[in-house]
Amino acid sequence: MKAPTCINEIQRLTGRIAALSRFISKSAEKSLPFFKTLRKAKTFEWGTPCQLAFEELKAYLSGLPLLVKPSPGDTLYLYLSVTPQVVSSVLVREEGGKQLPIYYVSKVLNGAEGLYTPIEKVALALVLPPEGFSHTSYLILSGSGPKLH
């Protein structure tokens, strides 16, 4: 995969990342430099932050763990990640002492969402809809101990 050389190629790259976002942990955070470049898209500028993000994304994709299917009765764990610009979550199950990813959700905070307090961002990460898992119970792990949802 070659680095983009024009605005259209950046748009194509971000579209592909968006299409794969369910399978890429923290996809919004990983692609944030590309979106920032598109936001100022009067001229093409592929700077150091974009190149570093591109190289990290390529390295991540080459070693991507396979997503697994949950089995009935499995205990599922929901991990949350909150940064000033992005909220993400990953749903995993444990098998043989190893945690295997089932589903990733990531969202870039735009406009007023970026002004949310940290606890509001955590709440937003909790309600990001893992499609098809509304009927499933899972543990939410936090510093204050596990909660069953």
C-alpha atoms as a PDB file:
ATOM      1  CA  MET A   1       0.000   0.000   0.000  1.00  0.00           C
ATOM      2  CA  LYS A   2       1.440   3.349  -1.079  1.00  0.00           C
ATOM      3  CA  ALA A   3       0.953   6.668   0.673  1.00  0.00           C
ATOM      4  CA  PRO A   4      -1.691   8.934  -0.901  1.00  0.00           C
ATOM      5  CA  THR A   5      -0.409  11.563  -3.340  1.00  0.00           C
ATOM      6  CA  CYS A   6      -3.563  13.685  -3.731  1.00  0.00           C
ATOM      7  CA  ILE A   7      -6.744  14.645  -1.895  1.00  0.00           C
ATOM      8  CA  ASN A   8      -8.821  12.031  -3.762  1.00  0.00           C
ATOM      9  CA  GLU A   9      -6.500   9.269  -2.578  1.00  0.00           C
ATOM     10  CA  ILE A  10      -6.812  10.470   1.033  1.00  0.00           C
ATOM     11  CA  GLN A  11     -10.597  10.397   0.629  1.00  0.00           C
ATOM     12  CA  ARG A  12     -10.371   6.865  -0.745  1.00  0.00           C
ATOM     13  CA  LEU A  13      -8.140   5.814   2.174  1.00  0.00           C
ATOM     14  CA  THR A  14     -10.487   7.282   4.801  1.00  0.00           C
ATOM     15  CA  GLY A  15     -13.438   5.613   3.080  1.00  0.00           C
ATOM     16  CA  ARG A  16     -11.713   2.248   3.260  1.00  0.00           C
ATOM     17  CA  ILE A  17     -10.846   2.794   6.918  1.00  0.00           C
ATOM     18  CA  ALA A  18     -14.478   3.743   7.629  1.00  0.00           C
ATOM     19  CA  ALA A  19     -15.681   0.585   5.879  1.00  0.00           C
ATOM     20  CA  LEU A  20     -13.346  -1.518   8.030  1.00  0.00           C
ATOM     21  CA  SER A  21     -13.951   0.411  11.269  1.00  0.00           C
ATOM     22  CA  ARG A  22     -15.758  -2.497  12.944  1.00  0.00           C
ATOM     23  CA  PHE A  23     -12.632  -4.584  12.561  1.00  0.00           C
ATOM     24  CA  ILE A  24      -9.970  -1.994  13.451  1.00  0.00           C
ATOM     25  CA  SER A  25      -9.416  -1.121  17.097  1.00  0.00           C
ATOM     26  CA  LYS A  26      -9.526   2.656  17.648  1.00  0.00           C
ATOM     27  CA  SER A  27      -9.957   3.257  13.911  1.00  0.00           C
ATOM     28  CA  ALA A  28     -11.074   6.858  14.401  1.00  0.00           C
ATOM     29  CA  GLU A  29      -8.011   7.644  16.489  1.00  0.00           C
ATOM     30  CA  LYS A  30      -5.690   5.942  13.994  1.00  0.00           C
ATOM     31  CA  SER A  31      -7.144   7.899  11.054  1.00  0.00           C
ATOM     32  CA  LEU A  32      -7.513  11.297  12.754  1.00  0.00           C
ATOM     33  CA  PRO A  33      -4.496  12.867  10.933  1.00  0.00           C
ATOM     34  CA  PHE A  34      -6.085  11.948   7.578  1.00  0.00           C
ATOM     35  CA  PHE A  35      -9.399  13.574   8.526  1.00  0.00           C
ATOM     36  CA  LYS A  36      -7.593  16.700   9.733  1.00  0.00           C
ATOM     37  CA  THR A  37      -5.795  16.890   6.377  1.00  0.00           C
ATOM     38  CA  LEU A  38      -9.119  16.609   4.547  1.00  0.00           C
ATOM     39  CA  ARG A  39     -10.635  19.319   6.726  1.00  0.00           C
ATOM     40  CA  LYS A  40      -8.049  21.791   5.361  1.00  0.00           C
ATOM     41  CA  ALA A  41      -8.314  20.332   1.856  1.00  0.00           C
ATOM     42  CA  LYS A  42      -7.641  23.418  -0.266  1.00  0.00           C
ATOM     43  CA  THR A  43      -4.193  22.063  -1.092  1.00  0.00           C
ATOM     44  CA  PHE A  44      -2.678  18.616  -0.682  1.00  0.00           C
ATOM     45  CA  GLU A  45      -0.453  18.419   2.412  1.00  0.00           C
ATOM     46  CA  TRP A  46       0.877  15.024   3.445  1.00  0.00           C
ATOM     47  CA  GLY A  47       2.938  15.916   6.506  1.00  0.00           C
ATOM     48  CA  THR A  48       4.877  13.927   9.052  1.00  0.00           C
ATOM     49  CA  PRO A  49       1.821  13.179  11.264  1.00  0.00           C
ATOM     50  CA  CYS A  50      -0.011  11.693   8.267  1.00  0.00           C
ATOM     51  CA  GLN A  51       2.979   9.612   7.217  1.00  0.00           C
ATOM     52  CA  LEU A  52       3.492   8.297  10.765  1.00  0.00           C
ATOM     53  CA  ALA A  53      -0.217   7.451  11.094  1.00  0.00           C
ATOM     54  CA  PHE A  54      -0.126   5.744   7.678  1.00  0.00           C
ATOM     55  CA  GLU A  55       2.909   3.617   8.624  1.00  0.00           C
ATOM     56  CA  GLU A  56       1.346   2.691  11.983  1.00  0.00           C
ATOM     57  CA  LEU A  57      -1.916   1.755  10.252  1.00  0.00           C
ATOM     58  CA  LYS A  58      -0.089  -0.469   7.749  1.00  0.00           C
ATOM     59  CA  ALA A  59       1.834  -2.183  10.561  1.00  0.00           C
ATOM     60  CA  TYR A  60      -1.369  -2.663  12.557  1.00  0.00           C
ATOM     61  CA  LEU A  61      -3.290  -4.102   9.600  1.00  0.00           C
ATOM     62  CA  SER A  62      -0.523  -6.566   8.794  1.00  0.00           C
ATOM     63  CA  GLY A  63      -0.704  -8.035  12.305  1.00  0.00           C
ATOM     64  CA  LEU A  64      -4.458  -7.709  12.834  1.00  0.00           C
ATOM     65  CA  PRO A  65      -5.978 -10.380  15.087  1.00  0.00           C
ATOM     66  CA  LEU A  66      -8.942 -12.240  13.644  1.00  0.00           C
ATOM     67  CA  LEU A  67     -12.342 -11.426  15.057  1.00  0.00           C
ATOM     68  CA  VAL A  68     -14.162 -14.328  16.674  1.00  0.00           C
ATOM     69  CA  LYS A  69     -17.812 -15.187  17.092  1.00  0.00           C
ATOM     70  CA  PRO A  70     -19.311 -15.291  20.581  1.00  0.00           C
ATOM     71  CA  SER A  71     -20.762 -18.582  21.773  1.00  0.00           C
ATOM     72  CA  PRO A  72     -23.936 -18.788  23.869  1.00  0.00           C
ATOM     73  CA  GLY A  73     -23.057 -18.587  27.553  1.00  0.00           C
ATOM     74  CA  ASP A  74     -19.706 -16.834  27.001  1.00  0.00           C
ATOM     75  CA  THR A  75     -18.813 -14.018  29.368  1.00  0.00           C
ATOM     76  CA  LEU A  76     -18.085 -10.991  27.221  1.00  0.00           C
ATOM     77  CA  TYR A  77     -15.913  -8.070  28.325  1.00  0.00           C
ATOM     78  CA  LEU A  78     -16.300  -4.492  27.115  1.00  0.00           C
ATOM     79  CA  TYR A  79     -13.194  -2.296  27.185  1.00  0.00           C
ATOM     80  CA  LEU A  80     -13.496   1.466  26.728  1.00  0.00           C
ATOM     81  CA  SER A  81     -10.954   4.003  25.522  1.00  0.00           C
ATOM     82  CA  VAL A  82     -11.593   7.733  25.788  1.00  0.00           C
ATOM     83  CA  THR A  83      -9.328  10.505  24.468  1.00  0.00           C
ATOM     84  CA  PRO A  84     -10.080  14.220  24.014  1.00  0.00           C
ATOM     85  CA  GLN A  85     -11.008  13.610  20.345  1.00  0.00           C
ATOM     86  CA  VAL A  86     -12.110   9.952  20.092  1.00  0.00           C
ATOM     87  CA  VAL A  87     -14.123   7.347  22.026  1.00  0.00           C
ATOM     88  CA  SER A  88     -13.692   3.644  21.296  1.00  0.00           C
ATOM     89  CA  SER A  89     -14.744   0.300  22.687  1.00  0.00           C
ATOM     90  CA  VAL A  90     -13.926  -3.328  22.047  1.00  0.00           C
ATOM     91  CA  LEU A  91     -16.025  -6.351  22.969  1.00  0.00           C
ATOM     92  CA  VAL A  92     -13.952  -9.470  23.714  1.00  0.00           C
ATOM     93  CA  ARG A  93     -14.411 -13.000  24.991  1.00  0.00           C
ATOM     94  CA  GLU A  94     -11.937 -15.108  26.895  1.00  0.00           C
ATOM     95  CA  GLU A  95     -10.778 -18.491  25.648  1.00  0.00           C
ATOM     96  CA  GLY A  96      -7.904 -20.452  27.115  1.00  0.00           C
ATOM     97  CA  GLY A  97      -6.718 -17.489  29.182  1.00  0.00           C
ATOM     98  CA  LYS A  98      -6.514 -15.306  26.074  1.00  0.00           C
ATOM     99  CA  GLN A  99      -8.876 -12.473  25.185  1.00  0.00           C
ATOM    100  CA  LEU A 100     -10.166 -12.590  21.609  1.00  0.00           C
ATOM    101  CA  PRO A 101     -11.795  -9.543  19.956  1.00  0.00           C
ATOM    102  CA  ILE A 102     -15.393  -9.824  18.781  1.00  0.00           C
ATOM    103  CA  TYR A 103     -16.286  -6.271  17.805  1.00  0.00           C
ATOM    104  CA  TYR A 104     -14.725  -2.791  17.653  1.00  0.00           C
ATOM    105  CA  VAL A 105     -16.527   0.571  17.723  1.00  0.00           C
ATOM    106  CA  SER A 106     -14.807   3.940  17.340  1.00  0.00           C
ATOM    107  CA  LYS A 107     -16.151   7.487  16.970  1.00  0.00           C
ATOM    108  CA  VAL A 108     -14.450  10.829  16.313  1.00  0.00           C
ATOM    109  CA  LEU A 109     -15.956  13.533  18.517  1.00  0.00           C
ATOM    110  CA  ASN A 110     -17.139  16.443  16.389  1.00  0.00           C
ATOM    111  CA  GLY A 111     -18.466  19.845  17.389  1.00  0.00           C
ATOM    112  CA  ALA A 112     -20.169  19.872  20.784  1.00  0.00           C
ATOM    113  CA  GLU A 113     -19.199  16.236  21.454  1.00  0.00           C
ATOM    114  CA  GLY A 114     -15.572  17.370  21.773  1.00  0.00           C
ATOM    115  CA  LEU A 115     -16.617  19.604  24.682  1.00  0.00           C
ATOM    116  CA  TYR A 116     -18.116  16.737  26.708  1.00  0.00           C
ATOM    117  CA  THR A 117     -16.675  16.110  30.158  1.00  0.00           C
ATOM    118  CA  PRO A 118     -14.616  12.920  30.552  1.00  0.00           C
ATOM    119  CA  ILE A 119     -17.505  11.093  32.259  1.00  0.00           C
ATOM    120  CA  GLU A 120     -19.879  12.071  29.432  1.00  0.00           C
ATOM    121  CA  LYS A 121     -17.354  10.695  26.940  1.00  0.00           C
ATOM    122  CA  VAL A 122     -17.242   7.418  28.880  1.00  0.00           C
ATOM    123  CA  ALA A 123     -21.055   7.296  28.804  1.00  0.00           C
ATOM    124  CA  LEU A 124     -20.986   7.905  25.040  1.00  0.00           C
ATOM    125  CA  ALA A 125     -18.483   5.064  24.597  1.00  0.00           C
ATOM    126  CA  LEU A 126     -20.828   2.803  26.592  1.00  0.00           C
ATOM    127  CA  VAL A 127     -23.807   3.474  24.355  1.00  0.00           C
ATOM    128  CA  LEU A 128     -22.011   3.185  21.016  1.00  0.00           C
ATOM    129  CA  PRO A 129     -24.143   0.468  19.499  1.00  0.00           C
ATOM    130  CA  PRO A 130     -22.443  -2.882  19.023  1.00  0.00           C
ATOM    131  CA  GLU A 131     -24.993  -4.021  16.415  1.00  0.00           C
ATOM    132  CA  GLY A 132     -26.421  -7.446  17.064  1.00  0.00           C
ATOM    133  CA  PHE A 133     -25.333  -7.518  20.718  1.00  0.00           C
ATOM    134  CA  SER A 134     -28.271  -5.710  22.334  1.00  0.00           C
ATOM    135  CA  HIS A 135     -29.583  -9.031  23.704  1.00  0.00           C
ATOM    136  CA  THR A 136     -26.189 -10.116  25.052  1.00  0.00           C
ATOM    137  CA  SER A 137     -24.905  -9.700  28.618  1.00  0.00           C
ATOM    138  CA  TYR A 138     -21.337  -8.510  29.026  1.00  0.00           C
ATOM    139  CA  LEU A 139     -19.046  -7.290  31.794  1.00  0.00           C
ATOM    140  CA  ILE A 140     -17.932  -3.668  31.790  1.00  0.00           C
ATOM    141  CA  LEU A 141     -14.526  -3.356  33.410  1.00  0.00           C
ATOM    142  CA  SER A 142     -13.608  -0.140  35.177  1.00  0.00           C
ATOM    143  CA  GLY A 143     -11.343   1.033  37.965  1.00  0.00           C
ATOM    144  CA  SER A 144     -14.194   0.568  40.467  1.00  0.00           C
ATOM    145  CA  GLY A 145     -14.769  -3.087  39.555  1.00  0.00           C
ATOM    146  CA  PRO A 146     -16.805  -5.083  37.007  1.00  0.00           C
ATOM    147  CA  LYS A 147     -20.442  -4.316  36.251  1.00  0.00           C
ATOM    148  CA  LEU A 148     -22.853  -6.688  34.478  1.00  0.00           C
ATOM    149  CA  HIS A 149     -24.800  -5.184  31.576  1.00  0.00           C
END
